[in-house]
Amino acid sequence: MDETGSSTPRVLGPKEFEAVMGERPIRQIALIGFGEAGGIFGSDLAAAGLSASIFDILLNGEPSRSAMLAKATAAKVRACDTLDEALRGSNLIISAVTAASALDVATAAAPFVRSGQTYLDINSVSPESKREIARILDGTPATFVEAAVMAPVAPQRLKAPILLGGAGAAAAAPQLTAIGMNVKPVSDRVGVASAIKMCRSIIIKGLEAITVESMFTARRYGAEKQVLESLHATYPDMGWNGPLPDYLISRVAEHGKRRAAEMREAAQAVTDAGLDPLTALGTAERQDWLAQVIAEFSLAVPKGEKFSWQELADAIAEAMSLQGKSAGM
């Protein structure tokens, strides 16, 4: 069982597949957005024998078009020049765009969706944004299903745990499981699944942000060893004396801009709940700060085991010192 309570999924055999799917199996999939998550899902679904078409705004012009076409070819999916073309004939539509684009994409797709299609929105947006997307799609023949991806997609790929919400969630769950996705319906109300994700993100991404702030500050004072020893003494099972600081800070270094956008959606969720989003907004600012500094100074950030938060902190301090800038901490 994973942290959401879902078991690891398996692709059903032919007889089981037909029993679950009846007369409406998912055979053709349309992906709106072919970034990290869309690219992984498209590649895995195509590898499983499903037909997949994609549309991404990066197809609209060079040099991004050539790179996107090459990526689509490698993933064995069909790149389409228009949204209408990508959606045509699909059983399942997966919206995997940026948080800022989720509403606009739903609005653009609405005139082209058809009866028998499921529109699965996996974007990290606030519960109210999901409800607005649902309202847009409610006026169409398609079925809207809210989805909240509860772990990074890259490590687990198609098996990343996903919570589902909305009136169509329970019916969609076995169909999505049948094509290898790891889903769990949690509510027939749109917004609950996203609320779970947003509230969890306040903790997880907040921990990342305060680790950046604490460790970079401690490094400047030459106190990081003692700080980490103290944290390990208080929380001996978390790994403060091991890989945890590198892991938490590497997540911000690699995905800070996207994570900051998600935290602004989390802040909106807090606001909609009647609270001031002090922590969520602070987290967004710190995530953004690291992403911006890395980009500004064109710093190389190694991935995986080669990543060192100390080396990154020192590189930023040196770059800022050379330009006479304050640390921005």
C-alpha atoms as a PDB file:
ATOM      1  CA  MET A   1       0.000   0.000   0.000  1.00  0.00           C
ATOM      2  CA  ASP A   2       1.256   3.543  -0.726  1.00  0.00           C
ATOM      3  CA  GLU A   3       0.823   6.703   1.350  1.00  0.00           C
ATOM      4  CA  THR A   4      -2.634   7.344  -0.115  1.00  0.00           C
ATOM      5  CA  GLY A   5      -3.852   3.831   0.661  1.00  0.00           C
ATOM      6  CA  SER A   6      -3.767   2.631  -2.955  1.00  0.00           C
ATOM      7  CA  SER A   7      -2.237  -0.688  -3.850  1.00  0.00           C
ATOM      8  CA  THR A   8       0.353  -0.868  -6.616  1.00  0.00           C
ATOM      9  CA  PRO A   9      -1.638  -1.258  -9.840  1.00  0.00           C
ATOM     10  CA  ARG A  10      -1.289  -3.958 -12.429  1.00  0.00           C
ATOM     11  CA  VAL A  11      -2.419  -4.067 -16.039  1.00  0.00           C
ATOM     12  CA  LEU A  12      -5.359  -6.452 -16.295  1.00  0.00           C
ATOM     13  CA  GLY A  13      -5.371  -9.507 -18.534  1.00  0.00           C
ATOM     14  CA  PRO A  14      -7.601  -9.534 -21.645  1.00  0.00           C
ATOM     15  CA  LYS A  15     -10.601 -11.233 -19.980  1.00  0.00           C
ATOM     16  CA  GLU A  16     -10.363  -9.116 -16.832  1.00  0.00           C
ATOM     17  CA  PHE A  17      -9.963  -5.996 -18.963  1.00  0.00           C
ATOM     18  CA  GLU A  18     -13.129  -6.647 -20.951  1.00  0.00           C
ATOM     19  CA  ALA A  19     -15.055  -7.553 -17.774  1.00  0.00           C
ATOM     20  CA  VAL A  20     -14.116  -4.252 -16.157  1.00  0.00           C
ATOM     21  CA  MET A  21     -14.437  -2.078 -19.221  1.00  0.00           C
ATOM     22  CA  GLY A  22     -17.503  -3.637 -20.776  1.00  0.00           C
ATOM     23  CA  GLU A  23     -18.227  -2.077 -24.135  1.00  0.00           C
ATOM     24  CA  ARG A  24     -16.272   1.125 -23.530  1.00  0.00           C
ATOM     25  CA  PRO A  25     -12.602   0.277 -22.996  1.00  0.00           C
ATOM     26  CA  ILE A  26     -10.007   3.032 -23.100  1.00  0.00           C
ATOM     27  CA  ARG A  27      -8.178   2.480 -26.350  1.00  0.00           C
ATOM     28  CA  GLN A  28      -7.230   5.993 -27.410  1.00  0.00           C
ATOM     29  CA  ILE A  29      -5.837   8.745 -25.212  1.00  0.00           C
ATOM     30  CA  ALA A  30      -5.298  12.455 -25.792  1.00  0.00           C
ATOM     31  CA  LEU A  31      -2.711  14.331 -23.767  1.00  0.00           C
ATOM     32  CA  ILE A  32      -2.950  18.107 -23.499  1.00  0.00           C
ATOM     33  CA  GLY A  33       0.514  19.180 -22.442  1.00  0.00           C
ATOM     34  CA  PHE A  34       3.584  17.076 -23.110  1.00  0.00           C
ATOM     35  CA  GLY A  35       5.969  18.254 -20.419  1.00  0.00           C
ATOM     36  CA  GLU A  36       7.423  16.012 -17.738  1.00  0.00           C
ATOM     37  CA  ALA A  37       4.212  14.361 -16.509  1.00  0.00           C
ATOM     38  CA  GLY A  38       2.517  14.301 -19.915  1.00  0.00           C
ATOM     39  CA  GLY A  39       5.645  12.931 -21.537  1.00  0.00           C
ATOM     40  CA  ILE A  40       5.963  10.098 -19.028  1.00  0.00           C
ATOM     41  CA  PHE A  41       2.291   9.152 -19.157  1.00  0.00           C
ATOM     42  CA  GLY A  42       2.232   9.294 -22.955  1.00  0.00           C
ATOM     43  CA  SER A  43       5.325   7.141 -23.288  1.00  0.00           C
ATOM     44  CA  ASP A  44       4.110   4.537 -20.788  1.00  0.00           C
ATOM     45  CA  LEU A  45       0.600   4.340 -22.218  1.00  0.00           C
ATOM     46  CA  ALA A  46       1.930   3.984 -25.754  1.00  0.00           C
ATOM     47  CA  ALA A  47       4.303   1.259 -24.546  1.00  0.00           C
ATOM     48  CA  ALA A  48       1.284  -0.534 -23.092  1.00  0.00           C
ATOM     49  CA  GLY A  49      -0.241  -0.698 -26.578  1.00  0.00           C
ATOM     50  CA  LEU A  50      -2.647   2.235 -26.364  1.00  0.00           C
ATOM     51  CA  SER A  51      -2.970   4.867 -29.062  1.00  0.00           C
ATOM     52  CA  ALA A  52      -1.935   8.295 -27.795  1.00  0.00           C
ATOM     53  CA  SER A  53      -2.114  11.721 -29.408  1.00  0.00           C
ATOM     54  CA  ILE A  54      -0.693  14.909 -27.920  1.00  0.00           C
ATOM     55  CA  PHE A  55      -1.084  18.649 -28.250  1.00  0.00           C
ATOM     56  CA  ASP A  56       1.243  21.166 -26.660  1.00  0.00           C
ATOM     57  CA  ILE A  57       1.581  24.900 -27.282  1.00  0.00           C
ATOM     58  CA  LEU A  58       5.298  24.315 -27.857  1.00  0.00           C
ATOM     59  CA  LEU A  59       4.286  22.795 -31.196  1.00  0.00           C
ATOM     60  CA  ASN A  60       3.204  26.243 -32.342  1.00  0.00           C
ATOM     61  CA  GLY A  61       6.642  27.510 -33.338  1.00  0.00           C
ATOM     62  CA  GLU A  62      10.376  26.920 -33.612  1.00  0.00           C
ATOM     63  CA  PRO A  63      12.729  26.023 -32.031  1.00  0.00           C
ATOM     64  CA  SER A  64      10.425  24.344 -29.521  1.00  0.00           C
ATOM     65  CA  ARG A  65       8.397  22.565 -32.234  1.00  0.00           C
ATOM     66  CA  SER A  66      11.310  20.464 -33.470  1.00  0.00           C
ATOM     67  CA  ALA A  67      12.217  19.386 -29.939  1.00  0.00           C
ATOM     68  CA  MET A  68       8.605  18.513 -29.152  1.00  0.00           C
ATOM     69  CA  LEU A  69       8.207  16.487 -32.365  1.00  0.00           C
ATOM     70  CA  ALA A  70      11.377  14.561 -31.562  1.00  0.00           C
ATOM     71  CA  LYS A  71      10.095  13.863 -28.061  1.00  0.00           C
ATOM     72  CA  ALA A  72       6.759  12.650 -29.421  1.00  0.00           C
ATOM     73  CA  THR A  73       8.485  10.371 -31.918  1.00  0.00           C
ATOM     74  CA  ALA A  74      10.658   8.867 -29.180  1.00  0.00           C
ATOM     75  CA  ALA A  75       7.577   8.256 -27.032  1.00  0.00           C
ATOM     76  CA  LYS A  76       5.682   6.725 -29.983  1.00  0.00           C
ATOM     77  CA  VAL A  77       2.792   9.162 -29.680  1.00  0.00           C
ATOM     78  CA  ARG A  78       1.153  11.218 -32.429  1.00  0.00           C
ATOM     79  CA  ALA A  79       1.817  14.958 -32.273  1.00  0.00           C
ATOM     80  CA  CYS A  80      -1.118  17.094 -33.458  1.00  0.00           C
ATOM     81  CA  ASP A  81      -1.101  20.652 -34.721  1.00  0.00           C
ATOM     82  CA  THR A  82      -4.455  21.529 -33.148  1.00  0.00           C
ATOM     83  CA  LEU A  83      -6.253  20.719 -29.929  1.00  0.00           C
ATOM     84  CA  ASP A  84      -9.298  19.539 -31.866  1.00  0.00           C
ATOM     85  CA  GLU A  85      -7.209  17.030 -33.805  1.00  0.00           C
ATOM     86  CA  ALA A  86      -5.644  15.628 -30.629  1.00  0.00           C
ATOM     87  CA  LEU A  87      -8.988  15.151 -28.863  1.00  0.00           C
ATOM     88  CA  ARG A  88     -10.827  13.647 -31.812  1.00  0.00           C
ATOM     89  CA  GLY A  89     -11.691   9.982 -31.280  1.00  0.00           C
ATOM     90  CA  SER A  90     -10.101   9.694 -27.835  1.00  0.00           C
ATOM     91  CA  ASN A  91     -11.769   7.930 -24.908  1.00  0.00           C
ATOM     92  CA  LEU A  92      -9.608   9.593 -22.262  1.00  0.00           C
ATOM     93  CA  ILE A  93      -8.341  13.177 -22.235  1.00  0.00           C
ATOM     94  CA  ILE A  94      -5.557  13.963 -19.766  1.00  0.00           C
ATOM     95  CA  SER A  95      -4.872  17.621 -19.053  1.00  0.00           C
ATOM     96  CA  ALA A  96      -1.242  17.907 -17.906  1.00  0.00           C
ATOM     97  CA  VAL A  97      -0.353  21.562 -18.329  1.00  0.00           C
ATOM     98  CA  THR A  98       0.924  24.241 -15.953  1.00  0.00           C
ATOM     99  CA  ALA A  99      -1.238  25.345 -13.043  1.00  0.00           C
ATOM    100  CA  ALA A 100      -1.660  28.768 -14.653  1.00  0.00           C
ATOM    101  CA  SER A 101      -2.966  27.211 -17.884  1.00  0.00           C
ATOM    102  CA  ALA A 102      -5.406  24.609 -16.524  1.00  0.00           C
ATOM    103  CA  LEU A 103      -8.518  26.813 -16.732  1.00  0.00           C
ATOM    104  CA  ASP A 104      -7.658  28.188 -20.166  1.00  0.00           C
ATOM    105  CA  VAL A 105      -7.033  24.689 -21.533  1.00  0.00           C
ATOM    106  CA  ALA A 106     -10.369  23.432 -20.218  1.00  0.00           C
ATOM    107  CA  THR A 107     -12.104  26.399 -21.843  1.00  0.00           C
ATOM    108  CA  ALA A 108     -10.310  25.758 -25.140  1.00  0.00           C
ATOM    109  CA  ALA A 109     -11.101  22.033 -25.067  1.00  0.00           C
ATOM    110  CA  ALA A 110     -14.781  22.367 -24.145  1.00  0.00           C
ATOM    111  CA  PRO A 111     -16.083  22.951 -27.719  1.00  0.00           C
ATOM    112  CA  PHE A 112     -14.319  19.815 -28.968  1.00  0.00           C
ATOM    113  CA  VAL A 113     -15.099  17.174 -26.344  1.00  0.00           C
ATOM    114  CA  ARG A 114     -17.660  14.504 -27.143  1.00  0.00           C
ATOM    115  CA  SER A 115     -19.954  12.028 -25.429  1.00  0.00           C
ATOM    116  CA  GLY A 116     -18.111   9.017 -24.065  1.00  0.00           C
ATOM    117  CA  GLN A 117     -14.931  10.980 -23.316  1.00  0.00           C
ATOM    118  CA  THR A 118     -13.485  11.381 -19.817  1.00  0.00           C
ATOM    119  CA  TYR A 119     -11.599  14.595 -19.121  1.00  0.00           C
ATOM    120  CA  LEU A 120      -9.017  13.874 -16.418  1.00  0.00           C
ATOM    121  CA  ASP A 121      -7.413  17.009 -14.982  1.00  0.00           C
ATOM    122  CA  ILE A 122      -4.139  16.113 -13.204  1.00  0.00           C
ATOM    123  CA  ASN A 123      -2.933  19.702 -12.751  1.00  0.00           C
ATOM    124  CA  SER A 124      -1.859  20.976  -9.338  1.00  0.00           C
ATOM    125  CA  VAL A 125      -4.436  23.701  -8.786  1.00  0.00           C
ATOM    126  CA  SER A 126      -6.637  24.815  -5.911  1.00  0.00           C
ATOM    127  CA  PRO A 127      -9.935  23.064  -5.140  1.00  0.00           C
ATOM    128  CA  GLU A 128     -11.861  26.090  -6.353  1.00  0.00           C
ATOM    129  CA  SER A 129      -9.937  26.053  -9.650  1.00  0.00           C
ATOM    130  CA  LYS A 130     -10.866  22.378 -10.067  1.00  0.00           C
ATOM    131  CA  ARG A 131     -14.504  23.283  -9.411  1.00  0.00           C
ATOM    132  CA  GLU A 132     -14.330  26.029 -12.029  1.00  0.00           C
ATOM    133  CA  ILE A 133     -12.883  23.548 -14.534  1.00  0.00           C
ATOM    134  CA  ALA A 134     -15.687  21.147 -13.631  1.00  0.00           C
ATOM    135  CA  ARG A 135     -18.259  23.890 -14.270  1.00  0.00           C
ATOM    136  CA  ILE A 136     -16.726  24.516 -17.696  1.00  0.00           C
ATOM    137  CA  LEU A 137     -16.852  20.812 -18.599  1.00  0.00           C
ATOM    138  CA  ASP A 138     -20.290  20.241 -17.058  1.00  0.00           C
ATOM    139  CA  GLY A 139     -21.768  22.054 -20.025  1.00  0.00           C
ATOM    140  CA  THR A 140     -20.319  19.488 -22.428  1.00  0.00           C
ATOM    141  CA  PRO A 141     -21.116  15.819 -23.190  1.00  0.00           C
ATOM    142  CA  ALA A 142     -17.818  14.683 -21.609  1.00  0.00           C
ATOM    143  CA  THR A 143     -17.337  13.464 -18.029  1.00  0.00           C
ATOM    144  CA  PHE A 144     -15.023  15.509 -15.840  1.00  0.00           C
ATOM    145  CA  VAL A 145     -12.864  13.713 -13.258  1.00  0.00           C
ATOM    146  CA  GLU A 146     -10.648  15.566 -10.838  1.00  0.00           C
ATOM    147  CA  ALA A 147      -7.205  14.049 -10.276  1.00  0.00           C
ATOM    148  CA  ALA A 148      -4.553  14.891  -7.687  1.00  0.00           C
ATOM    149  CA  VAL A 149      -1.119  13.361  -8.258  1.00  0.00           C
ATOM    150  CA  MET A 150       0.244  12.611  -4.798  1.00  0.00           C
ATOM    151  CA  ALA A 151       3.915  11.904  -5.540  1.00  0.00           C
ATOM    152  CA  PRO A 152       6.538  12.942  -8.108  1.00  0.00           C
ATOM    153  CA  VAL A 153       5.698  11.322 -11.447  1.00  0.00           C
ATOM    154  CA  ALA A 154       9.248  10.648 -12.612  1.00  0.00           C
ATOM    155  CA  PRO A 155      10.217   7.861 -10.157  1.00  0.00           C
ATOM    156  CA  GLN A 156       6.954   5.866 -10.299  1.00  0.00           C
ATOM    157  CA  ARG A 157       5.848   6.979 -13.755  1.00  0.00           C
ATOM    158  CA  LEU A 158       2.384   5.632 -14.656  1.00  0.00           C
ATOM    159  CA  LYS A 159       2.106   4.092 -11.189  1.00  0.00           C
ATOM    160  CA  ALA A 160       2.363   7.416  -9.346  1.00  0.00           C
ATOM    161  CA  PRO A 161      -0.524   7.478  -6.826  1.00  0.00           C
ATOM    162  CA  ILE A 162      -3.467   9.600  -7.967  1.00  0.00           C
ATOM    163  CA  LEU A 163      -6.589  10.558  -6.012  1.00  0.00           C
ATOM    164  CA  LEU A 164      -9.818  10.997  -7.963  1.00  0.00           C
ATOM    165  CA  GLY A 165     -12.820  13.185  -7.256  1.00  0.00           C
ATOM    166  CA  GLY A 166     -16.167  14.069  -8.779  1.00  0.00           C
ATOM    167  CA  ALA A 167     -19.356  12.289  -9.707  1.00  0.00           C
ATOM    168  CA  GLY A 168     -17.542  10.249 -12.354  1.00  0.00           C
ATOM    169  CA  ALA A 169     -14.581   9.248 -10.175  1.00  0.00           C
ATOM    170  CA  ALA A 170     -15.848   5.849  -9.009  1.00  0.00           C
ATOM    171  CA  ALA A 171     -16.802   4.783 -12.526  1.00  0.00           C
ATOM    172  CA  ALA A 172     -13.524   6.021 -14.007  1.00  0.00           C
ATOM    173  CA  ALA A 173     -11.324   4.304 -11.418  1.00  0.00           C
ATOM    174  CA  PRO A 174     -11.531   0.728 -12.798  1.00  0.00           C
ATOM    175  CA  GLN A 175     -11.075   2.013 -16.346  1.00  0.00           C
ATOM    176  CA  LEU A 176      -7.916   3.884 -15.375  1.00  0.00           C
ATOM    177  CA  THR A 177      -6.654   0.959 -13.311  1.00  0.00           C
ATOM    178  CA  ALA A 178      -7.149  -1.296 -16.323  1.00  0.00           C
ATOM    179  CA  ILE A 179      -4.649   0.756 -18.351  1.00  0.00           C
ATOM    180  CA  GLY A 180      -2.071   0.606 -15.571  1.00  0.00           C
ATOM    181  CA  MET A 181      -2.730   3.798 -13.593  1.00  0.00           C
ATOM    182  CA  ASN A 182      -2.643   3.847  -9.785  1.00  0.00           C
ATOM    183  CA  VAL A 183      -5.853   5.631  -8.816  1.00  0.00           C
ATOM    184  CA  LYS A 184      -8.148   5.833  -5.818  1.00  0.00           C
ATOM    185  CA  PRO A 185     -11.524   7.642  -5.776  1.00  0.00           C
ATOM    186  CA  VAL A 186     -11.856   9.652  -2.560  1.00  0.00           C
ATOM    187  CA  SER A 187     -15.024  11.710  -3.035  1.00  0.00           C
ATOM    188  CA  ASP A 188     -17.920  12.288  -5.384  1.00  0.00           C
ATOM    189  CA  ARG A 189     -17.411  16.018  -4.785  1.00  0.00           C
ATOM    190  CA  VAL A 190     -14.946  17.945  -6.919  1.00  0.00           C
ATOM    191  CA  GLY A 191     -12.312  19.715  -4.819  1.00  0.00           C
ATOM    192  CA  VAL A 192     -11.712  17.167  -2.067  1.00  0.00           C
ATOM    193  CA  ALA A 193      -8.883  15.349  -3.865  1.00  0.00           C
ATOM    194  CA  SER A 194      -7.149  18.635  -4.636  1.00  0.00           C
ATOM    195  CA  ALA A 195      -7.634  19.844  -1.069  1.00  0.00           C
ATOM    196  CA  ILE A 196      -5.817  16.727   0.153  1.00  0.00           C
ATOM    197  CA  LYS A 197      -2.936  17.438  -2.219  1.00  0.00           C
ATOM    198  CA  MET A 198      -2.744  21.163  -1.457  1.00  0.00           C
ATOM    199  CA  CYS A 199      -2.794  20.664   2.323  1.00  0.00           C
ATOM    200  CA  ARG A 200      -0.123  17.976   2.053  1.00  0.00           C
ATOM    201  CA  SER A 201       1.967  20.272  -0.137  1.00  0.00           C
ATOM    202  CA  ILE A 202       1.910  22.983   2.529  1.00  0.00           C
ATOM    203  CA  ILE A 203       3.821  20.520   4.717  1.00  0.00           C
ATOM    204  CA  ILE A 204       6.055  18.821   2.127  1.00  0.00           C
ATOM    205  CA  LYS A 205       7.043  21.848   0.059  1.00  0.00           C
ATOM    206  CA  GLY A 206       7.159  23.974   3.183  1.00  0.00           C
ATOM    207  CA  LEU A 207       9.699  21.547   4.613  1.00  0.00           C
ATOM    208  CA  GLU A 208      11.751  21.890   1.448  1.00  0.00           C
ATOM    209  CA  ALA A 209      11.662  25.682   1.651  1.00  0.00           C
ATOM    210  CA  ILE A 210      12.605  25.918   5.324  1.00  0.00           C
ATOM    211  CA  THR A 211      15.419  23.428   4.733  1.00  0.00           C
ATOM    212  CA  VAL A 212      16.838  25.691   2.009  1.00  0.00           C
ATOM    213  CA  GLU A 213      16.554  28.708   4.277  1.00  0.00           C
ATOM    214  CA  SER A 214      17.940  26.990   7.377  1.00  0.00           C
ATOM    215  CA  MET A 215      20.822  25.147   5.697  1.00  0.00           C
ATOM    216  CA  PHE A 216      21.963  28.034   3.490  1.00  0.00           C
ATOM    217  CA  THR A 217      21.945  30.336   6.530  1.00  0.00           C
ATOM    218  CA  ALA A 218      23.771  27.779   8.678  1.00  0.00           C
ATOM    219  CA  ARG A 219      26.352  27.336   5.905  1.00  0.00           C
ATOM    220  CA  ARG A 220      27.096  31.059   5.919  1.00  0.00           C
ATOM    221  CA  TYR A 221      27.798  30.865   9.664  1.00  0.00           C
ATOM    222  CA  GLY A 222      29.724  27.593   9.466  1.00  0.00           C
ATOM    223  CA  ALA A 223      27.118  25.994  11.721  1.00  0.00           C
ATOM    224  CA  GLU A 224      25.442  23.417   9.476  1.00  0.00           C
ATOM    225  CA  LYS A 225      27.096  20.392  11.118  1.00  0.00           C
ATOM    226  CA  GLN A 226      25.777  21.323  14.545  1.00  0.00           C
ATOM    227  CA  VAL A 227      22.342  22.233  13.196  1.00  0.00           C
ATOM    228  CA  LEU A 228      22.009  18.885  11.441  1.00  0.00           C
ATOM    229  CA  GLU A 229      23.222  17.026  14.528  1.00  0.00           C
ATOM    230  CA  SER A 230      20.578  18.811  16.587  1.00  0.00           C
ATOM    231  CA  LEU A 231      17.834  18.015  14.080  1.00  0.00           C
ATOM    232  CA  HIS A 232      18.906  14.371  14.003  1.00  0.00           C
ATOM    233  CA  ALA A 233      18.803  14.207  17.794  1.00  0.00           C
ATOM    234  CA  THR A 234      15.256  15.568  17.792  1.00  0.00           C
ATOM    235  CA  TYR A 235      14.009  13.576  14.770  1.00  0.00           C
ATOM    236  CA  PRO A 236      16.307  10.528  14.590  1.00  0.00           C
ATOM    237  CA  ASP A 237      14.228   8.671  12.000  1.00  0.00           C
ATOM    238  CA  MET A 238      14.009  11.410   9.369  1.00  0.00           C
ATOM    239  CA  GLY A 239      17.536  11.232   7.981  1.00  0.00           C
ATOM    240  CA  TRP A 240      18.848  14.690   8.851  1.00  0.00           C
ATOM    241  CA  ASN A 241      22.263  13.107   9.334  1.00  0.00           C
ATOM    242  CA  GLY A 242      22.003  11.420   5.933  1.00  0.00           C
ATOM    243  CA  PRO A 243      20.534  12.122   2.500  1.00  0.00           C
ATOM    244  CA  LEU A 244      17.437  14.105   3.572  1.00  0.00           C
ATOM    245  CA  PRO A 245      18.872  17.662   3.278  1.00  0.00           C
ATOM    246  CA  ASP A 246      20.304  16.914  -0.182  1.00  0.00           C
ATOM    247  CA  TYR A 247      17.012  15.385  -1.312  1.00  0.00           C
ATOM    248  CA  LEU A 248      14.799  18.216  -0.044  1.00  0.00           C
ATOM    249  CA  ILE A 249      16.973  20.980  -1.479  1.00  0.00           C
ATOM    250  CA  SER A 250      17.487  19.135  -4.776  1.00  0.00           C
ATOM    251  CA  ARG A 251      13.718  19.085  -5.298  1.00  0.00           C
ATOM    252  CA  VAL A 252      13.650  22.876  -5.072  1.00  0.00           C
ATOM    253  CA  ALA A 253      16.753  23.248  -7.246  1.00  0.00           C
ATOM    254  CA  GLU A 254      15.225  21.101 -10.000  1.00  0.00           C
ATOM    255  CA  HIS A 255      11.577  22.128  -9.818  1.00  0.00           C
ATOM    256  CA  GLY A 256      11.406  25.332  -7.768  1.00  0.00           C
ATOM    257  CA  LYS A 257       9.508  27.395 -10.330  1.00  0.00           C
ATOM    258  CA  ARG A 258       6.818  24.761 -10.810  1.00  0.00           C
ATOM    259  CA  ARG A 259       6.607  24.069  -7.089  1.00  0.00           C
ATOM    260  CA  ALA A 260       6.241  27.777  -6.364  1.00  0.00           C
ATOM    261  CA  ALA A 261       3.301  27.909  -8.773  1.00  0.00           C
ATOM    262  CA  GLU A 262       1.693  24.987  -6.967  1.00  0.00           C
ATOM    263  CA  MET A 263       2.199  26.693  -3.617  1.00  0.00           C
ATOM    264  CA  ARG A 264       0.413  29.782  -4.882  1.00  0.00           C
ATOM    265  CA  GLU A 265      -2.485  27.475  -5.703  1.00  0.00           C
ATOM    266  CA  ALA A 266      -2.189  26.085  -2.163  1.00  0.00           C
ATOM    267  CA  ALA A 267      -2.256  29.649  -0.872  1.00  0.00           C
ATOM    268  CA  GLN A 268      -5.458  30.215  -2.809  1.00  0.00           C
ATOM    269  CA  ALA A 269      -6.927  27.094  -1.213  1.00  0.00           C
ATOM    270  CA  VAL A 270      -6.032  28.467   2.232  1.00  0.00           C
ATOM    271  CA  THR A 271      -7.578  31.831   1.348  1.00  0.00           C
ATOM    272  CA  ASP A 272     -10.746  30.154   0.085  1.00  0.00           C
ATOM    273  CA  ALA A 273     -10.930  28.330   3.430  1.00  0.00           C
ATOM    274  CA  GLY A 274     -10.972  31.683   5.230  1.00  0.00           C
ATOM    275  CA  LEU A 275      -7.371  31.742   6.504  1.00  0.00           C
ATOM    276  CA  ASP A 276      -4.368  33.913   5.698  1.00  0.00           C
ATOM    277  CA  PRO A 277      -1.890  31.853   3.619  1.00  0.00           C
ATOM    278  CA  LEU A 278       1.207  33.117   5.413  1.00  0.00           C
ATOM    279  CA  THR A 279       3.192  29.882   5.253  1.00  0.00           C
ATOM    280  CA  ALA A 280       2.087  28.859   1.768  1.00  0.00           C
ATOM    281  CA  LEU A 281       3.084  32.203   0.266  1.00  0.00           C
ATOM    282  CA  GLY A 282       6.395  32.203   2.119  1.00  0.00           C
ATOM    283  CA  THR A 283       7.101  28.745   0.765  1.00  0.00           C
ATOM    284  CA  ALA A 284       6.324  29.910  -2.768  1.00  0.00           C
ATOM    285  CA  GLU A 285       8.732  32.843  -2.412  1.00  0.00           C
ATOM    286  CA  ARG A 286      11.599  30.686  -1.158  1.00  0.00           C
ATOM    287  CA  GLN A 287      11.036  28.034  -3.848  1.00  0.00           C
ATOM    288  CA  ASP A 288      10.972  30.794  -6.476  1.00  0.00           C
ATOM    289  CA  TRP A 289      14.068  32.427  -5.031  1.00  0.00           C
ATOM    290  CA  LEU A 290      16.263  29.362  -5.457  1.00  0.00           C
ATOM    291  CA  ALA A 291      14.991  28.695  -8.983  1.00  0.00           C
ATOM    292  CA  GLN A 292      15.583  32.320  -9.983  1.00  0.00           C
ATOM    293  CA  VAL A 293      19.091  32.481  -8.512  1.00  0.00           C
ATOM    294  CA  ILE A 294      20.129  29.268 -10.270  1.00  0.00           C
ATOM    295  CA  ALA A 295      18.811  30.633 -13.575  1.00  0.00           C
ATOM    296  CA  GLU A 296      20.283  34.115 -13.080  1.00  0.00           C
ATOM    297  CA  PHE A 297      23.812  32.806 -12.521  1.00  0.00           C
ATOM    298  CA  SER A 298      23.485  29.881 -14.962  1.00  0.00           C
ATOM    299  CA  LEU A 299      24.535  27.445 -12.257  1.00  0.00           C
ATOM    300  CA  ALA A 300      24.921  23.777 -13.141  1.00  0.00           C
ATOM    301  CA  VAL A 301      22.898  21.634 -10.746  1.00  0.00           C
ATOM    302  CA  PRO A 302      23.876  17.946 -10.715  1.00  0.00           C
ATOM    303  CA  LYS A 303      21.076  15.442 -10.194  1.00  0.00           C
ATOM    304  CA  GLY A 304      20.754  12.332  -8.094  1.00  0.00           C
ATOM    305  CA  GLU A 305      23.658  11.195  -5.927  1.00  0.00           C
ATOM    306  CA  LYS A 306      25.951  13.867  -7.382  1.00  0.00           C
ATOM    307  CA  PHE A 307      23.842  16.677  -5.909  1.00  0.00           C
ATOM    308  CA  SER A 308      25.325  18.484  -2.911  1.00  0.00           C
ATOM    309  CA  TRP A 309      23.394  21.241  -1.183  1.00  0.00           C
ATOM    310  CA  GLN A 310      26.637  22.583   0.307  1.00  0.00           C
ATOM    311  CA  GLU A 311      28.195  22.965  -3.135  1.00  0.00           C
ATOM    312  CA  LEU A 312      25.081  24.732  -4.409  1.00  0.00           C
ATOM    313  CA  ALA A 313      25.006  27.086  -1.409  1.00  0.00           C
ATOM    314  CA  ASP A 314      28.682  27.913  -1.912  1.00  0.00           C
ATOM    315  CA  ALA A 315      28.222  28.466  -5.663  1.00  0.00           C
ATOM    316  CA  ILE A 316      25.373  30.900  -5.029  1.00  0.00           C
ATOM    317  CA  ALA A 317      27.320  32.759  -2.341  1.00  0.00           C
ATOM    318  CA  GLU A 318      30.354  33.067  -4.634  1.00  0.00           C
ATOM    319  CA  ALA A 319      28.302  34.224  -7.627  1.00  0.00           C
ATOM    320  CA  MET A 320      26.538  36.861  -5.567  1.00  0.00           C
ATOM    321  CA  SER A 321      29.792  38.030  -4.020  1.00  0.00           C
ATOM    322  CA  LEU A 322      31.399  38.474  -7.435  1.00  0.00           C
ATOM    323  CA  GLN A 323      28.525  40.675  -8.516  1.00  0.00           C
ATOM    324  CA  GLY A 324      28.346  42.534  -5.230  1.00  0.00           C
ATOM    325  CA  LYS A 325      24.829  41.344  -4.532  1.00  0.00           C
ATOM    326  CA  SER A 326      23.273  40.507  -1.215  1.00  0.00           C
ATOM    327  CA  ALA A 327      22.441  36.893  -0.525  1.00  0.00           C
ATOM    328  CA  GLY A 328      18.711  37.447  -0.831  1.00  0.00           C
ATOM    329  CA  MET A 329      18.180  35.255   2.156  1.00  0.00           C
END
